[in-house]
C-alpha atoms as a PDB file:
ATOM      1  CA  MET A   1      82.115 -92.973 126.840  1.00  0.00           C
ATOM      2  CA  PRO A   2      84.641 -93.818 124.097  1.00  0.00           C
ATOM      3  CA  VAL A   3      87.360 -96.378 124.790  1.00  0.00           C
ATOM      4  CA  LYS A   4      90.954 -95.131 124.987  1.00  0.00           C
ATOM      5  CA  VAL A   5      93.840 -97.445 124.059  1.00  0.00           C
ATOM      6  CA  LYS A   6      97.213 -97.431 125.832  1.00  0.00           C
ATOM      7  CA  ILE A   7     100.181 -99.449 124.588  1.00  0.00           C
ATOM      8  CA  CYS A   8     102.085-100.074 127.794  1.00  0.00           C
ATOM      9  CA  GLY A   9     105.699-100.954 128.463  1.00  0.00           C
ATOM     10  CA  VAL A  10     107.053 -98.865 125.595  1.00  0.00           C
ATOM     11  CA  ARG A  11     110.851 -98.872 125.448  1.00  0.00           C
ATOM     12  CA  THR A  12     111.788 -97.636 121.965  1.00  0.00           C
ATOM     13  CA  PRO A  13     111.038 -94.775 119.579  1.00  0.00           C
ATOM     14  CA  ALA A  14     109.957 -97.326 116.953  1.00  0.00           C
ATOM     15  CA  ILE A  15     107.152 -98.536 119.224  1.00  0.00           C
ATOM     16  CA  ILE A  16     106.043 -94.933 119.783  1.00  0.00           C
ATOM     17  CA  GLU A  17     105.853 -94.354 116.034  1.00  0.00           C
ATOM     18  CA  GLU A  18     103.916 -97.584 115.433  1.00  0.00           C
ATOM     19  CA  ALA A  19     101.485 -96.918 118.299  1.00  0.00           C
ATOM     20  CA  ALA A  20     100.779 -93.417 116.989  1.00  0.00           C
ATOM     21  CA  LYS A  21     100.461 -94.593 113.390  1.00  0.00           C
ATOM     22  CA  THR A  22      97.986 -97.339 114.257  1.00  0.00           C
ATOM     23  CA  GLY A  23      95.702 -95.089 116.299  1.00  0.00           C
ATOM     24  CA  ALA A  24      96.528 -95.781 119.940  1.00  0.00           C
ATOM     25  CA  ASP A  25      95.714 -92.895 122.273  1.00  0.00           C
ATOM     26  CA  PHE A  26      98.575 -93.311 124.749  1.00  0.00           C
ATOM     27  CA  ILE A  27     101.855 -95.043 125.373  1.00  0.00           C
ATOM     28  CA  GLY A  28     102.730 -96.285 128.852  1.00  0.00           C
ATOM     29  CA  LEU A  29     106.179 -95.664 130.333  1.00  0.00           C
ATOM     30  CA  VAL A  30     106.834 -98.028 133.233  1.00  0.00           C
ATOM     31  CA  LEU A  31     108.952 -96.606 136.042  1.00  0.00           C
ATOM     32  CA  PHE A  32     109.019 -99.623 138.346  1.00  0.00           C
ATOM     33  CA  PRO A  33     112.383-101.342 138.847  1.00  0.00           C
ATOM     34  CA  LYS A  34     110.910-104.836 139.240  1.00  0.00           C
ATOM     35  CA  SER A  35     109.237-104.698 135.816  1.00  0.00           C
ATOM     36  CA  PRO A  36     111.049-106.160 132.803  1.00  0.00           C
ATOM     37  CA  ARG A  37     109.848-103.051 130.942  1.00  0.00           C
ATOM     38  CA  HIS A  38     111.309-100.648 133.528  1.00  0.00           C
ATOM     39  CA  LEU A  39     112.728 -97.339 132.345  1.00  0.00           C
ATOM     40  CA  GLU A  40     115.081 -95.073 134.216  1.00  0.00           C
ATOM     41  CA  LEU A  41     113.813 -91.508 134.646  1.00  0.00           C
ATOM     42  CA  GLU A  42     116.070 -90.160 131.881  1.00  0.00           C
ATOM     43  CA  GLU A  43     114.991 -92.892 129.447  1.00  0.00           C
ATOM     44  CA  ALA A  44     111.343 -92.066 130.152  1.00  0.00           C
ATOM     45  CA  ARG A  45     112.043 -88.354 129.661  1.00  0.00           C
ATOM     46  CA  VAL A  46     113.585 -88.963 126.233  1.00  0.00           C
ATOM     47  CA  LEU A  47     110.749 -91.230 125.090  1.00  0.00           C
ATOM     48  CA  ALA A  48     108.099 -88.792 126.345  1.00  0.00           C
ATOM     49  CA  ALA A  49     109.798 -85.994 124.410  1.00  0.00           C
ATOM     50  CA  ILE A  50     109.740 -88.124 121.251  1.00  0.00           C
ATOM     51  CA  ALA A  51     106.042 -88.915 121.789  1.00  0.00           C
ATOM     52  CA  ARG A  52     104.989 -85.328 122.522  1.00  0.00           C
ATOM     53  CA  GLY A  53     102.639 -84.049 119.836  1.00  0.00           C
ATOM     54  CA  LYS A  54     102.220 -87.535 118.308  1.00  0.00           C
ATOM     55  CA  ILE A  55     100.572 -89.570 121.060  1.00  0.00           C
ATOM     56  CA  GLY A  56      99.689 -89.141 124.728  1.00  0.00           C
ATOM     57  CA  THR A  57     102.000 -90.402 127.466  1.00  0.00           C
ATOM     58  CA  VAL A  58     101.218 -92.157 130.729  1.00  0.00           C
ATOM     59  CA  ALA A  59     103.858 -92.666 133.429  1.00  0.00           C
ATOM     60  CA  VAL A  60     103.078 -95.910 135.276  1.00  0.00           C
ATOM     61  CA  LEU A  61     104.264 -95.890 138.906  1.00  0.00           C
ATOM     62  CA  VAL A  62     103.889 -98.605 141.541  1.00  0.00           C
ATOM     63  CA  ASP A  63     103.516 -97.438 145.141  1.00  0.00           C
ATOM     64  CA  PRO A  64     105.626 -94.323 144.493  1.00  0.00           C
ATOM     65  CA  ASP A  65     106.761 -91.918 147.160  1.00  0.00           C
ATOM     66  CA  ASP A  66     106.103 -88.195 146.745  1.00  0.00           C
ATOM     67  CA  GLU A  67     109.658 -87.576 145.540  1.00  0.00           C
ATOM     68  CA  LEU A  68     109.275 -89.993 142.614  1.00  0.00           C
ATOM     69  CA  VAL A  69     105.885 -88.570 141.610  1.00  0.00           C
ATOM     70  CA  ALA A  70     107.299 -85.039 141.670  1.00  0.00           C
ATOM     71  CA  GLY A  71     110.417 -86.073 139.732  1.00  0.00           C
ATOM     72  CA  VAL A  72     108.371 -87.812 137.044  1.00  0.00           C
ATOM     73  CA  ALA A  73     105.971 -84.874 136.744  1.00  0.00           C
ATOM     74  CA  GLU A  74     108.847 -82.394 136.462  1.00  0.00           C
ATOM     75  CA  ARG A  75     111.281 -84.308 134.252  1.00  0.00           C
ATOM     76  CA  VAL A  76     109.152 -86.687 132.159  1.00  0.00           C
ATOM     77  CA  ARG A  77     106.113 -84.377 131.927  1.00  0.00           C
ATOM     78  CA  PRO A  78     103.623 -87.121 131.046  1.00  0.00           C
ATOM     79  CA  ASP A  79     100.058 -86.344 130.095  1.00  0.00           C
ATOM     80  CA  LEU A  80      98.841 -88.678 132.850  1.00  0.00           C
ATOM     81  CA  ILE A  81     100.301 -90.488 135.846  1.00  0.00           C
ATOM     82  CA  GLN A  82      98.911 -93.941 136.593  1.00  0.00           C
ATOM     83  CA  LEU A  83      99.330 -95.061 140.201  1.00  0.00           C
ATOM     84  CA  HIS A  84      99.334 -98.823 140.597  1.00  0.00           C
ATOM     85  CA  GLY A  85      99.544-100.456 143.977  1.00  0.00           C
ATOM     86  CA  ASN A  86      98.205 -99.726 147.413  1.00  0.00           C
ATOM     87  CA  GLU A  87      97.328 -96.049 147.018  1.00  0.00           C
ATOM     88  CA  THR A  88      94.347 -94.754 148.917  1.00  0.00           C
ATOM     89  CA  PRO A  89      91.566 -92.912 147.081  1.00  0.00           C
ATOM     90  CA  GLU A  90      92.825 -89.706 148.710  1.00  0.00           C
ATOM     91  CA  ARG A  91      96.276 -90.171 147.182  1.00  0.00           C
END
């Protein structure tokens, strides 16, 4: 299986451009308030829109409730959602 590369904690369009130019597969958008790389939902939406068609997007969520997952899926529209925390396999 080929390795996929994600540049995580992306906060600017310049990082998106550089990640795409250098061959990364995904950028990670962190939606976790305790992270120093935290993005608000609207910031993540704008960055995902900039990335669309250039590089894949991953929304990184820590122990999210259903409302946050749904909001991210609807507004940010990432290619993937990464759940980090205490989720069960069923989740």
